[in-house]
Amino acid sequence: MKKVVTLCLFALVMVLGTESVMAQNSKLENRIEINTEASEKTEALRKYVKFTNEQRDEIYNALKVYGQAKASTKDKPLNEEENAKIEKQLDDKVKIILSEEQYERYKEYNNREN
């Protein structure tokens, strides 16, 4: 009887541990996807806007934060006001990072992509 109880407890612990690992894998996959998208968009922007390595790093970080903000709202419907707020935060960061000429090219690129 003691062995059966021990076996059941072991099985329960394994099931709970598996759920925890699955949740962590999902978060890791989301983070990898966000980083990949930010990297790809940064590289495309670098070719079109032509910015420095320092600006590239700052743009990458801004796009990463933007991606995380979008991902955090993935489970709930996003109203237009919240979406506009997230878009404005990205736009404000990019505007600070880039020169006026670069920012205009950035806007052209975004208009072309959308």
PDB file of N, CA and C in Angstrom:
ATOM      1  N   MET A   1       0.827  -1.189   0.000  1.00  0.00           N
ATOM      2  CA  MET A   1       0.000   0.000   0.000  1.00  0.00           C
ATOM      3  C   MET A   1       0.874   1.257   0.000  1.00  0.00           C
ATOM      4  N   LYS A   2       1.938   1.225   0.776  1.00  0.00           N
ATOM      5  CA  LYS A   2       2.833   2.369   0.864  1.00  0.00           C
ATOM      6  C   LYS A   2       3.493   2.642  -0.495  1.00  0.00           C
ATOM      7  N   LYS A   3       3.821   1.590  -1.206  1.00  0.00           N
ATOM      8  CA  LYS A   3       4.432   1.737  -2.524  1.00  0.00           C
ATOM      9  C   LYS A   3       3.456   2.371  -3.525  1.00  0.00           C
ATOM     10  N   VAL A   4       2.189   2.021  -3.449  1.00  0.00           N
ATOM     11  CA  VAL A   4       1.177   2.556  -4.350  1.00  0.00           C
ATOM     12  C   VAL A   4       1.013   4.055  -4.103  1.00  0.00           C
ATOM     13  N   VAL A   5       0.958   4.447  -2.830  1.00  0.00           N
ATOM     14  CA  VAL A   5       0.808   5.861  -2.481  1.00  0.00           C
ATOM     15  C   VAL A   5       2.035   6.623  -2.975  1.00  0.00           C
ATOM     16  N   THR A   6       3.212   6.078  -2.770  1.00  0.00           N
ATOM     17  CA  THR A   6       4.448   6.715  -3.221  1.00  0.00           C
ATOM     18  C   THR A   6       4.453   6.857  -4.740  1.00  0.00           C
ATOM     19  N   LEU A   7       4.030   5.829  -5.439  1.00  0.00           N
ATOM     20  CA  LEU A   7       3.961   5.867  -6.891  1.00  0.00           C
ATOM     21  C   LEU A   7       2.970   6.930  -7.368  1.00  0.00           C
ATOM     22  N   CYS A   8       1.807   7.015  -6.716  1.00  0.00           N
ATOM     23  CA  CYS A   8       0.811   8.028  -7.097  1.00  0.00           C
ATOM     24  C   CYS A   8       1.341   9.431  -6.858  1.00  0.00           C
ATOM     25  N   LEU A   9       2.009   9.658  -5.742  1.00  0.00           N
ATOM     26  CA  LEU A   9       2.591  10.967  -5.459  1.00  0.00           C
ATOM     27  C   LEU A   9       3.668  11.314  -6.482  1.00  0.00           C
ATOM     28  N   PHE A  10       4.478  10.346  -6.832  1.00  0.00           N
ATOM     29  CA  PHE A  10       5.528  10.572  -7.836  1.00  0.00           C
ATOM     30  C   PHE A  10       4.898  10.952  -9.184  1.00  0.00           C
ATOM     31  N   ALA A  11       3.842  10.234  -9.570  1.00  0.00           N
ATOM     32  CA  ALA A  11       3.165  10.525 -10.835  1.00  0.00           C
ATOM     33  C   ALA A  11       2.553  11.924 -10.808  1.00  0.00           C
ATOM     34  N   LEU A  12       1.967  12.317  -9.690  1.00  0.00           N
ATOM     35  CA  LEU A  12       1.374  13.641  -9.554  1.00  0.00           C
ATOM     36  C   LEU A  12       2.438  14.731  -9.685  1.00  0.00           C
ATOM     37  N   VAL A  13       3.568  14.527  -9.030  1.00  0.00           N
ATOM     38  CA  VAL A  13       4.671  15.493  -9.117  1.00  0.00           C
ATOM     39  C   VAL A  13       5.175  15.598 -10.550  1.00  0.00           C
ATOM     40  N   MET A  14       5.268  14.510 -11.248  1.00  0.00           N
ATOM     41  CA  MET A  14       5.732  14.522 -12.636  1.00  0.00           C
ATOM     42  C   MET A  14       4.741  15.284 -13.534  1.00  0.00           C
ATOM     43  N   VAL A  15       3.457  15.100 -13.324  1.00  0.00           N
ATOM     44  CA  VAL A  15       2.446  15.799 -14.124  1.00  0.00           C
ATOM     45  C   VAL A  15       2.528  17.297 -13.868  1.00  0.00           C
ATOM     46  N   LEU A  16       2.606  17.699 -12.621  1.00  0.00           N
ATOM     47  CA  LEU A  16       2.697  19.119 -12.279  1.00  0.00           C
ATOM     48  C   LEU A  16       3.989  19.735 -12.829  1.00  0.00           C
ATOM     49  N   GLY A  17       5.072  18.992 -12.756  1.00  0.00           N
ATOM     50  CA  GLY A  17       6.349  19.472 -13.292  1.00  0.00           C
ATOM     51  C   GLY A  17       6.305  19.645 -14.796  1.00  0.00           C
ATOM     52  N   THR A  18       5.614  18.760 -15.479  1.00  0.00           N
ATOM     53  CA  THR A  18       5.494  18.836 -16.930  1.00  0.00           C
ATOM     54  C   THR A  18       4.716  20.080 -17.338  1.00  0.00           C
ATOM     55  N   GLU A  19       3.647  20.408 -16.625  1.00  0.00           N
ATOM     56  CA  GLU A  19       2.865  21.604 -16.935  1.00  0.00           C
ATOM     57  C   GLU A  19       3.703  22.858 -16.764  1.00  0.00           C
ATOM     58  N   SER A  20       4.516  22.884 -15.728  1.00  0.00           N
ATOM     59  CA  SER A  20       5.383  24.035 -15.475  1.00  0.00           C
ATOM     60  C   SER A  20       6.406  24.199 -16.590  1.00  0.00           C
ATOM     61  N   VAL A  21       6.975  23.108 -17.028  1.00  0.00           N
ATOM     62  CA  VAL A  21       7.966  23.151 -18.111  1.00  0.00           C
ATOM     63  C   VAL A  21       7.315  23.598 -19.410  1.00  0.00           C
ATOM     64  N   MET A  22       6.109  23.128 -19.653  1.00  0.00           N
ATOM     65  CA  MET A  22       5.404  23.515 -20.880  1.00  0.00           C
ATOM     66  C   MET A  22       5.138  25.019 -20.897  1.00  0.00           C
ATOM     67  N   ALA A  23       4.746  25.585 -19.759  1.00  0.00           N
ATOM     68  CA  ALA A  23       4.482  27.017 -19.684  1.00  0.00           C
ATOM     69  C   ALA A  23       5.768  27.806 -19.912  1.00  0.00           C
ATOM     70  N   GLN A  24       6.870  27.347 -19.354  1.00  0.00           N
ATOM     71  CA  GLN A  24       8.150  28.023 -19.536  1.00  0.00           C
ATOM     72  C   GLN A  24       8.603  27.944 -20.986  1.00  0.00           C
ATOM     73  N   ASN A  25       8.391  26.814 -21.639  1.00  0.00           N
ATOM     74  CA  ASN A  25       8.755  26.675 -23.048  1.00  0.00           C
ATOM     75  C   ASN A  25       7.959  27.641 -23.908  1.00  0.00           C
ATOM     76  N   SER A  26       6.684  27.800 -23.583  1.00  0.00           N
ATOM     77  CA  SER A  26       5.838  28.722 -24.338  1.00  0.00           C
ATOM     78  C   SER A  26       6.348  30.152 -24.202  1.00  0.00           C
ATOM     79  N   LYS A  27       6.716  30.555 -22.995  1.00  0.00           N
ATOM     80  CA  LYS A  27       7.261  31.894 -22.770  1.00  0.00           C
ATOM     81  C   LYS A  27       8.579  32.070 -23.509  1.00  0.00           C
ATOM     82  N   LEU A  28       9.409  31.049 -23.488  1.00  0.00           N
ATOM     83  CA  LEU A  28      10.697  31.110 -24.174  1.00  0.00           C
ATOM     84  C   LEU A  28      10.488  31.238 -25.678  1.00  0.00           C
ATOM     85  N   GLU A  29       9.543  30.478 -26.218  1.00  0.00           N
ATOM     86  CA  GLU A  29       9.254  30.558 -27.651  1.00  0.00           C
ATOM     87  C   GLU A  29       8.755  31.951 -28.031  1.00  0.00           C
ATOM     88  N   ASN A  30       7.900  32.535 -27.181  1.00  0.00           N
ATOM     89  CA  ASN A  30       7.417  33.893 -27.443  1.00  0.00           C
ATOM     90  C   ASN A  30       8.567  34.894 -27.430  1.00  0.00           C
ATOM     91  N   ARG A  31       9.457  34.767 -26.460  1.00  0.00           N
ATOM     92  CA  ARG A  31      10.586  35.680 -26.357  1.00  0.00           C
ATOM     93  C   ARG A  31      11.512  35.543 -27.570  1.00  0.00           C
ATOM     94  N   ILE A  32      11.751  34.324 -28.004  1.00  0.00           N
ATOM     95  CA  ILE A  32      12.591  34.091 -29.177  1.00  0.00           C
ATOM     96  C   ILE A  32      11.935  34.689 -30.422  1.00  0.00           C
ATOM     97  N   GLU A  33      10.629  34.509 -30.542  1.00  0.00           N
ATOM     98  CA  GLU A  33       9.902  35.053 -31.693  1.00  0.00           C
ATOM     99  C   GLU A  33       9.966  36.588 -31.698  1.00  0.00           C
ATOM    100  N   ILE A  34       9.785  37.201 -30.544  1.00  0.00           N
ATOM    101  CA  ILE A  34       9.851  38.668 -30.436  1.00  0.00           C
ATOM    102  C   ILE A  34      11.244  39.155 -30.813  1.00  0.00           C
ATOM    103  N   ASN A  35      12.275  38.499 -30.284  1.00  0.00           N
ATOM    104  CA  ASN A  35      13.652  38.897 -30.587  1.00  0.00           C
ATOM    105  C   ASN A  35      13.971  38.735 -32.070  1.00  0.00           C
ATOM    106  N   THR A  36      13.480  37.661 -32.664  1.00  0.00           N
ATOM    107  CA  THR A  36      13.720  37.419 -34.088  1.00  0.00           C
ATOM    108  C   THR A  36      13.054  38.484 -34.939  1.00  0.00           C
ATOM    109  N   GLU A  37      11.802  38.802 -34.627  1.00  0.00           N
ATOM    110  CA  GLU A  37      11.087  39.830 -35.390  1.00  0.00           C
ATOM    111  C   GLU A  37      11.766  41.190 -35.242  1.00  0.00           C
ATOM    112  N   ALA A  38      12.185  41.518 -34.011  1.00  0.00           N
ATOM    113  CA  ALA A  38      12.860  42.798 -33.774  1.00  0.00           C
ATOM    114  C   ALA A  38      14.174  42.852 -34.548  1.00  0.00           C
ATOM    115  N   SER A  39      14.897  41.751 -34.568  1.00  0.00           N
ATOM    116  CA  SER A  39      16.177  41.694 -35.284  1.00  0.00           C
ATOM    117  C   SER A  39      15.977  41.854 -36.784  1.00  0.00           C
ATOM    118  N   GLU A  40      14.996  41.150 -37.326  1.00  0.00           N
ATOM    119  CA  GLU A  40      14.744  41.225 -38.766  1.00  0.00           C
ATOM    120  C   GLU A  40      14.293  42.628 -39.181  1.00  0.00           C
ATOM    121  N   LYS A  41      13.402  43.220 -38.405  1.00  0.00           N
ATOM    122  CA  LYS A  41      12.930  44.561 -38.748  1.00  0.00           C
ATOM    123  C   LYS A  41      14.052  45.584 -38.596  1.00  0.00           C
ATOM    124  N   THR A  42      14.889  45.423 -37.563  1.00  0.00           N
ATOM    125  CA  THR A  42      16.024  46.335 -37.374  1.00  0.00           C
ATOM    126  C   THR A  42      16.965  46.268 -38.567  1.00  0.00           C
ATOM    127  N   GLU A  43      17.231  45.081 -39.039  1.00  0.00           N
ATOM    128  CA  GLU A  43      18.145  44.917 -40.185  1.00  0.00           C
ATOM    129  C   GLU A  43      17.548  45.534 -41.447  1.00  0.00           C
ATOM    130  N   ALA A  44      16.257  45.330 -41.654  1.00  0.00           N
ATOM    131  CA  ALA A  44      15.598  45.918 -42.825  1.00  0.00           C
ATOM    132  C   ALA A  44      15.614  47.443 -42.730  1.00  0.00           C
ATOM    133  N   LEU A  45      15.355  47.960 -41.542  1.00  0.00           N
ATOM    134  CA  LEU A  45      15.391  49.411 -41.342  1.00  0.00           C
ATOM    135  C   LEU A  45      16.802  49.963 -41.540  1.00  0.00           C
ATOM    136  N   ARG A  46      17.799  49.222 -41.059  1.00  0.00           N
ATOM    137  CA  ARG A  46      19.186  49.669 -41.198  1.00  0.00           C
ATOM    138  C   ARG A  46      19.548  49.863 -42.666  1.00  0.00           C
ATOM    139  N   LYS A  47      19.086  48.963 -43.501  1.00  0.00           N
ATOM    140  CA  LYS A  47      19.380  49.074 -44.931  1.00  0.00           C
ATOM    141  C   LYS A  47      18.647  50.243 -45.571  1.00  0.00           C
ATOM    142  N   TYR A  48      17.438  50.510 -45.109  1.00  0.00           N
ATOM    143  CA  TYR A  48      16.620  51.562 -45.726  1.00  0.00           C
ATOM    144  C   TYR A  48      16.932  52.943 -45.143  1.00  0.00           C
ATOM    145  N   VAL A  49      17.059  53.005 -43.814  1.00  0.00           N
ATOM    146  CA  VAL A  49      17.250  54.290 -43.132  1.00  0.00           C
ATOM    147  C   VAL A  49      18.726  54.672 -43.033  1.00  0.00           C
ATOM    148  N   LYS A  50      19.603  53.673 -42.986  1.00  0.00           N
ATOM    149  CA  LYS A  50      21.051  53.877 -42.893  1.00  0.00           C
ATOM    150  C   LYS A  50      21.424  54.595 -41.593  1.00  0.00           C
ATOM    151  N   PHE A  51      21.387  53.841 -40.476  1.00  0.00           N
ATOM    152  CA  PHE A  51      21.790  54.407 -39.200  1.00  0.00           C
ATOM    153  C   PHE A  51      23.038  53.739 -38.646  1.00  0.00           C
ATOM    154  N   THR A  52      23.597  54.330 -37.581  1.00  0.00           N
ATOM    155  CA  THR A  52      24.844  53.848 -36.989  1.00  0.00           C
ATOM    156  C   THR A  52      24.595  52.581 -36.177  1.00  0.00           C
ATOM    157  N   ASN A  53      25.678  51.936 -35.755  1.00  0.00           N
ATOM    158  CA  ASN A  53      25.564  50.733 -34.934  1.00  0.00           C
ATOM    159  C   ASN A  53      24.892  51.028 -33.594  1.00  0.00           C
ATOM    160  N   GLU A  54      25.194  52.196 -33.020  1.00  0.00           N
ATOM    161  CA  GLU A  54      24.573  52.567 -31.746  1.00  0.00           C
ATOM    162  C   GLU A  54      23.062  52.756 -31.933  1.00  0.00           C
ATOM    163  N   GLN A  55      22.707  53.414 -33.019  1.00  0.00           N
ATOM    164  CA  GLN A  55      21.288  53.604 -33.316  1.00  0.00           C
ATOM    165  C   GLN A  55      20.620  52.260 -33.581  1.00  0.00           C
ATOM    166  N   ARG A  56      21.338  51.372 -34.251  1.00  0.00           N
ATOM    167  CA  ARG A  56      20.797  50.033 -34.532  1.00  0.00           C
ATOM    168  C   ARG A  56      20.458  49.319 -33.235  1.00  0.00           C
ATOM    169  N   ASP A  57      21.360  49.368 -32.269  1.00  0.00           N
ATOM    170  CA  ASP A  57      21.119  48.701 -30.992  1.00  0.00           C
ATOM    171  C   ASP A  57      19.917  49.305 -30.271  1.00  0.00           C
ATOM    172  N   GLU A  58      19.801  50.625 -30.307  1.00  0.00           N
ATOM    173  CA  GLU A  58      18.683  51.293 -29.643  1.00  0.00           C
ATOM    174  C   GLU A  58      17.354  50.992 -30.349  1.00  0.00           C
ATOM    175  N   ILE A  59      17.379  50.962 -31.675  1.00  0.00           N
ATOM    176  CA  ILE A  59      16.170  50.620 -32.435  1.00  0.00           C
ATOM    177  C   ILE A  59      15.754  49.180 -32.127  1.00  0.00           C
ATOM    178  N   TYR A  60      16.722  48.279 -32.081  1.00  0.00           N
ATOM    179  CA  TYR A  60      16.436  46.877 -31.765  1.00  0.00           C
ATOM    180  C   TYR A  60      15.759  46.776 -30.396  1.00  0.00           C
ATOM    181  N   ASN A  61      16.301  47.472 -29.396  1.00  0.00           N
ATOM    182  CA  ASN A  61      15.706  47.430 -28.061  1.00  0.00           C
ATOM    183  C   ASN A  61      14.303  48.022 -28.058  1.00  0.00           C
ATOM    184  N   ALA A  62      14.097  49.106 -28.793  1.00  0.00           N
ATOM    185  CA  ALA A  62      12.764  49.712 -28.874  1.00  0.00           C
ATOM    186  C   ALA A  62      11.774  48.743 -29.523  1.00  0.00           C
ATOM    187  N   LEU A  63      12.203  48.059 -30.578  1.00  0.00           N
ATOM    188  CA  LEU A  63      11.322  47.095 -31.251  1.00  0.00           C
ATOM    189  C   LEU A  63      11.042  45.882 -30.365  1.00  0.00           C
ATOM    190  N   LYS A  64      12.028  45.506 -29.556  1.00  0.00           N
ATOM    191  CA  LYS A  64      11.835  44.398 -28.624  1.00  0.00           C
ATOM    192  C   LYS A  64      10.786  44.762 -27.571  1.00  0.00           C
ATOM    193  N   VAL A  65      10.890  45.950 -27.006  1.00  0.00           N
ATOM    194  CA  VAL A  65       9.918  46.406 -26.011  1.00  0.00           C
ATOM    195  C   VAL A  65       8.527  46.485 -26.642  1.00  0.00           C
ATOM    196  N   TYR A  66       8.474  46.977 -27.879  1.00  0.00           N
ATOM    197  CA  TYR A  66       7.212  47.056 -28.616  1.00  0.00           C
ATOM    198  C   TYR A  66       6.611  45.653 -28.797  1.00  0.00           C
ATOM    199  N   GLY A  67       7.438  44.707 -29.200  1.00  0.00           N
ATOM    200  CA  GLY A  67       6.976  43.331 -29.392  1.00  0.00           C
ATOM    201  C   GLY A  67       6.479  42.712 -28.100  1.00  0.00           C
ATOM    202  N   GLN A  68       7.166  42.996 -26.990  1.00  0.00           N
ATOM    203  CA  GLN A  68       6.739  42.471 -25.697  1.00  0.00           C
ATOM    204  C   GLN A  68       5.409  43.084 -25.273  1.00  0.00           C
ATOM    205  N   ALA A  69       5.238  44.371 -25.543  1.00  0.00           N
ATOM    206  CA  ALA A  69       3.980  45.031 -25.207  1.00  0.00           C
ATOM    207  C   ALA A  69       2.832  44.438 -26.015  1.00  0.00           C
ATOM    208  N   LYS A  70       3.083  44.190 -27.298  1.00  0.00           N
ATOM    209  CA  LYS A  70       2.053  43.582 -28.152  1.00  0.00           C
ATOM    210  C   LYS A  70       1.745  42.155 -27.681  1.00  0.00           C
ATOM    211  N   ALA A  71       2.792  41.406 -27.311  1.00  0.00           N
ATOM    212  CA  ALA A  71       2.603  40.022 -26.880  1.00  0.00           C
ATOM    213  C   ALA A  71       1.840  39.949 -25.560  1.00  0.00           C
ATOM    214  N   SER A  72       2.051  40.922 -24.684  1.00  0.00           N
ATOM    215  CA  SER A  72       1.364  40.896 -23.390  1.00  0.00           C
ATOM    216  C   SER A  72      -0.137  41.127 -23.549  1.00  0.00           C
ATOM    217  N   THR A  73      -0.528  41.704 -24.654  1.00  0.00           N
ATOM    218  CA  THR A  73      -1.956  41.946 -24.903  1.00  0.00           C
ATOM    219  C   THR A  73      -2.559  40.895 -25.833  1.00  0.00           C
ATOM    220  N   LYS A  74      -1.793  39.878 -26.148  1.00  0.00           N
ATOM    221  CA  LYS A  74      -2.235  38.856 -27.100  1.00  0.00           C
ATOM    222  C   LYS A  74      -3.470  38.095 -26.601  1.00  0.00           C
ATOM    223  N   ASP A  75      -3.540  37.853 -25.290  1.00  0.00           N
ATOM    224  CA  ASP A  75      -4.625  37.053 -24.734  1.00  0.00           C
ATOM    225  C   ASP A  75      -5.936  37.811 -24.606  1.00  0.00           C
ATOM    226  N   LYS A  76      -5.849  39.138 -24.533  1.00  0.00           N
ATOM    227  CA  LYS A  76      -7.075  39.928 -24.401  1.00  0.00           C
ATOM    228  C   LYS A  76      -7.232  40.820 -25.626  1.00  0.00           C
ATOM    229  N   PRO A  77      -8.461  41.101 -25.999  1.00  0.00           N
ATOM    230  CA  PRO A  77      -8.665  41.972 -27.162  1.00  0.00           C
ATOM    231  C   PRO A  77      -8.126  43.374 -26.879  1.00  0.00           C
ATOM    232  N   LEU A  78      -7.500  43.952 -27.864  1.00  0.00           N
ATOM    233  CA  LEU A  78      -6.855  45.251 -27.728  1.00  0.00           C
ATOM    234  C   LEU A  78      -7.736  46.301 -28.385  1.00  0.00           C
ATOM    235  N   ASN A  79      -8.160  47.307 -27.596  1.00  0.00           N
ATOM    236  CA  ASN A  79      -8.976  48.351 -28.213  1.00  0.00           C
ATOM    237  C   ASN A  79      -8.060  49.346 -28.930  1.00  0.00           C
ATOM    238  N   GLU A  80      -8.655  50.203 -29.714  1.00  0.00           N
ATOM    239  CA  GLU A  80      -7.873  51.127 -30.545  1.00  0.00           C
ATOM    240  C   GLU A  80      -7.017  52.072 -29.711  1.00  0.00           C
ATOM    241  N   GLU A  81      -7.533  52.487 -28.560  1.00  0.00           N
ATOM    242  CA  GLU A  81      -6.800  53.420 -27.703  1.00  0.00           C
ATOM    243  C   GLU A  81      -5.518  52.781 -27.157  1.00  0.00           C
ATOM    244  N   GLU A  82      -5.623  51.538 -26.690  1.00  0.00           N
ATOM    245  CA  GLU A  82      -4.447  50.839 -26.168  1.00  0.00           C
ATOM    246  C   GLU A  82      -3.436  50.580 -27.283  1.00  0.00           C
ATOM    247  N   ASN A  83      -3.933  50.188 -28.439  1.00  0.00           N
ATOM    248  CA  ASN A  83      -3.058  49.939 -29.575  1.00  0.00           C
ATOM    249  C   ASN A  83      -2.342  51.226 -29.997  1.00  0.00           C
ATOM    250  N   ALA A  84      -3.073  52.327 -30.025  1.00  0.00           N
ATOM    251  CA  ALA A  84      -2.475  53.612 -30.389  1.00  0.00           C
ATOM    252  C   ALA A  84      -1.412  54.024 -29.375  1.00  0.00           C
ATOM    253  N   LYS A  85      -1.644  53.722 -28.113  1.00  0.00           N
ATOM    254  CA  LYS A  85      -0.677  54.061 -27.065  1.00  0.00           C
ATOM    255  C   LYS A  85       0.631  53.298 -27.268  1.00  0.00           C
ATOM    256  N   ILE A  86       0.532  52.008 -27.577  1.00  0.00           N
ATOM    257  CA  ILE A  86       1.723  51.184 -27.811  1.00  0.00           C
ATOM    258  C   ILE A  86       2.469  51.681 -29.053  1.00  0.00           C
ATOM    259  N   GLU A  87       1.729  51.979 -30.109  1.00  0.00           N
ATOM    260  CA  GLU A  87       2.341  52.490 -31.343  1.00  0.00           C
ATOM    261  C   GLU A  87       3.030  53.830 -31.098  1.00  0.00           C
ATOM    262  N   LYS A  88       2.402  54.695 -30.305  1.00  0.00           N
ATOM    263  CA  LYS A  88       2.967  56.017 -30.022  1.00  0.00           C
ATOM    264  C   LYS A  88       4.248  55.894 -29.203  1.00  0.00           C
ATOM    265  N   GLN A  89       4.276  54.964 -28.256  1.00  0.00           N
ATOM    266  CA  GLN A  89       5.487  54.761 -27.461  1.00  0.00           C
ATOM    267  C   GLN A  89       6.657  54.376 -28.363  1.00  0.00           C
ATOM    268  N   LEU A  90       6.420  53.470 -29.306  1.00  0.00           N
ATOM    269  CA  LEU A  90       7.469  53.080 -30.239  1.00  0.00           C
ATOM    270  C   LEU A  90       7.887  54.271 -31.092  1.00  0.00           C
ATOM    271  N   ASP A  91       6.916  54.982 -31.620  1.00  0.00           N
ATOM    272  CA  ASP A  91       7.200  56.119 -32.482  1.00  0.00           C
ATOM    273  C   ASP A  91       8.007  57.188 -31.737  1.00  0.00           C
ATOM    274  N   ASP A  92       7.647  57.458 -30.483  1.00  0.00           N
ATOM    275  CA  ASP A  92       8.379  58.454 -29.688  1.00  0.00           C
ATOM    276  C   ASP A  92       9.828  58.035 -29.447  1.00  0.00           C
ATOM    277  N   LYS A  93      10.037  56.745 -29.160  1.00  0.00           N
ATOM    278  CA  LYS A  93      11.402  56.251 -28.937  1.00  0.00           C
ATOM    279  C   LYS A  93      12.231  56.361 -30.212  1.00  0.00           C
ATOM    280  N   VAL A  94      11.637  55.969 -31.326  1.00  0.00           N
ATOM    281  CA  VAL A  94      12.357  56.022 -32.602  1.00  0.00           C
ATOM    282  C   VAL A  94      12.687  57.465 -32.968  1.00  0.00           C
ATOM    283  N   LYS A  95      11.760  58.358 -32.710  1.00  0.00           N
ATOM    284  CA  LYS A  95      11.968  59.770 -33.020  1.00  0.00           C
ATOM    285  C   LYS A  95      13.143  60.340 -32.227  1.00  0.00           C
ATOM    286  N   ILE A  96      13.311  59.896 -30.991  1.00  0.00           N
ATOM    287  CA  ILE A  96      14.433  60.344 -30.156  1.00  0.00           C
ATOM    288  C   ILE A  96      15.753  59.775 -30.681  1.00  0.00           C
ATOM    289  N   ILE A  97      15.734  58.542 -31.125  1.00  0.00           N
ATOM    290  CA  ILE A  97      16.952  57.842 -31.550  1.00  0.00           C
ATOM    291  C   ILE A  97      17.476  58.379 -32.879  1.00  0.00           C
ATOM    292  N   LEU A  98      16.590  58.615 -33.836  1.00  0.00           N
ATOM    293  CA  LEU A  98      16.994  58.972 -35.190  1.00  0.00           C
ATOM    294  C   LEU A  98      17.034  60.484 -35.405  1.00  0.00           C
ATOM    295  N   SER A  99      17.795  60.897 -36.403  1.00  0.00           N
ATOM    296  CA  SER A  99      17.785  62.301 -36.813  1.00  0.00           C
ATOM    297  C   SER A  99      16.476  62.566 -37.566  1.00  0.00           C
ATOM    298  N   GLU A 100      16.204  63.833 -37.864  1.00  0.00           N
ATOM    299  CA  GLU A 100      14.959  64.168 -38.570  1.00  0.00           C
ATOM    300  C   GLU A 100      14.889  63.492 -39.938  1.00  0.00           C
ATOM    301  N   GLU A 101      15.998  63.530 -40.668  1.00  0.00           N
ATOM    302  CA  GLU A 101      16.034  62.911 -41.990  1.00  0.00           C
ATOM    303  C   GLU A 101      15.830  61.402 -41.892  1.00  0.00           C
ATOM    304  N   GLN A 102      16.504  60.786 -40.942  1.00  0.00           N
ATOM    305  CA  GLN A 102      16.355  59.345 -40.748  1.00  0.00           C
ATOM    306  C   GLN A 102      14.927  58.996 -40.330  1.00  0.00           C
ATOM    307  N   TYR A 103      14.364  59.836 -39.484  1.00  0.00           N
ATOM    308  CA  TYR A 103      13.001  59.594 -39.024  1.00  0.00           C
ATOM    309  C   TYR A 103      12.008  59.657 -40.188  1.00  0.00           C
ATOM    310  N   GLU A 104      12.219  60.590 -41.089  1.00  0.00           N
ATOM    311  CA  GLU A 104      11.350  60.690 -42.267  1.00  0.00           C
ATOM    312  C   GLU A 104      11.467  59.432 -43.122  1.00  0.00           C
ATOM    313  N   ARG A 105      12.675  58.909 -43.278  1.00  0.00           N
ATOM    314  CA  ARG A 105      12.867  57.663 -44.034  1.00  0.00           C
ATOM    315  C   ARG A 105      12.203  56.484 -43.304  1.00  0.00           C
ATOM    316  N   TYR A 106      12.281  56.510 -41.981  1.00  0.00           N
ATOM    317  CA  TYR A 106      11.619  55.481 -41.172  1.00  0.00           C
ATOM    318  C   TYR A 106      10.107  55.502 -41.416  1.00  0.00           C
ATOM    319  N   LYS A 107       9.526  56.704 -41.439  1.00  0.00           N
ATOM    320  CA  LYS A 107       8.095  56.833 -41.685  1.00  0.00           C
ATOM    321  C   LYS A 107       7.737  56.331 -43.084  1.00  0.00           C
ATOM    322  N   GLU A 108       8.588  56.661 -44.066  1.00  0.00           N
ATOM    323  CA  GLU A 108       8.357  56.181 -45.446  1.00  0.00           C
ATOM    324  C   GLU A 108       8.367  54.650 -45.463  1.00  0.00           C
ATOM    325  N   TYR A 109       9.323  54.065 -44.772  1.00  0.00           N
ATOM    326  CA  TYR A 109       9.444  52.612 -44.734  1.00  0.00           C
ATOM    327  C   TYR A 109       8.190  51.994 -44.115  1.00  0.00           C
ATOM    328  N   ASN A 110       7.737  52.554 -43.000  1.00  0.00           N
ATOM    329  CA  ASN A 110       6.542  52.033 -42.340  1.00  0.00           C
ATOM    330  C   ASN A 110       5.307  52.168 -43.205  1.00  0.00           C
ATOM    331  N   ASN A 111       5.172  53.292 -43.896  1.00  0.00           N
ATOM    332  CA  ASN A 111       4.029  53.486 -44.792  1.00  0.00           C
ATOM    333  C   ASN A 111       4.064  52.489 -45.944  1.00  0.00           C
ATOM    334  N   ARG A 112       5.256  52.224 -46.433  1.00  0.00           N
ATOM    335  CA  ARG A 112       5.422  51.265 -47.522  1.00  0.00           C
ATOM    336  C   ARG A 112       5.073  49.842 -47.063  1.00  0.00           C
ATOM    337  N   GLU A 113       5.436  49.508 -45.807  1.00  0.00           N
ATOM    338  CA  GLU A 113       5.185  48.168 -45.266  1.00  0.00           C
ATOM    339  C   GLU A 113       3.705  47.950 -44.967  1.00  0.00           C
ATOM    340  N   ASN A 114       3.019  48.994 -44.578  1.00  0.00           N
ATOM    341  CA  ASN A 114       1.594  48.857 -44.198  1.00  0.00           C
ATOM    342  C   ASN A 114       0.746  49.043 -45.387  1.00  0.00           C
TER     343      ASN A 114
END
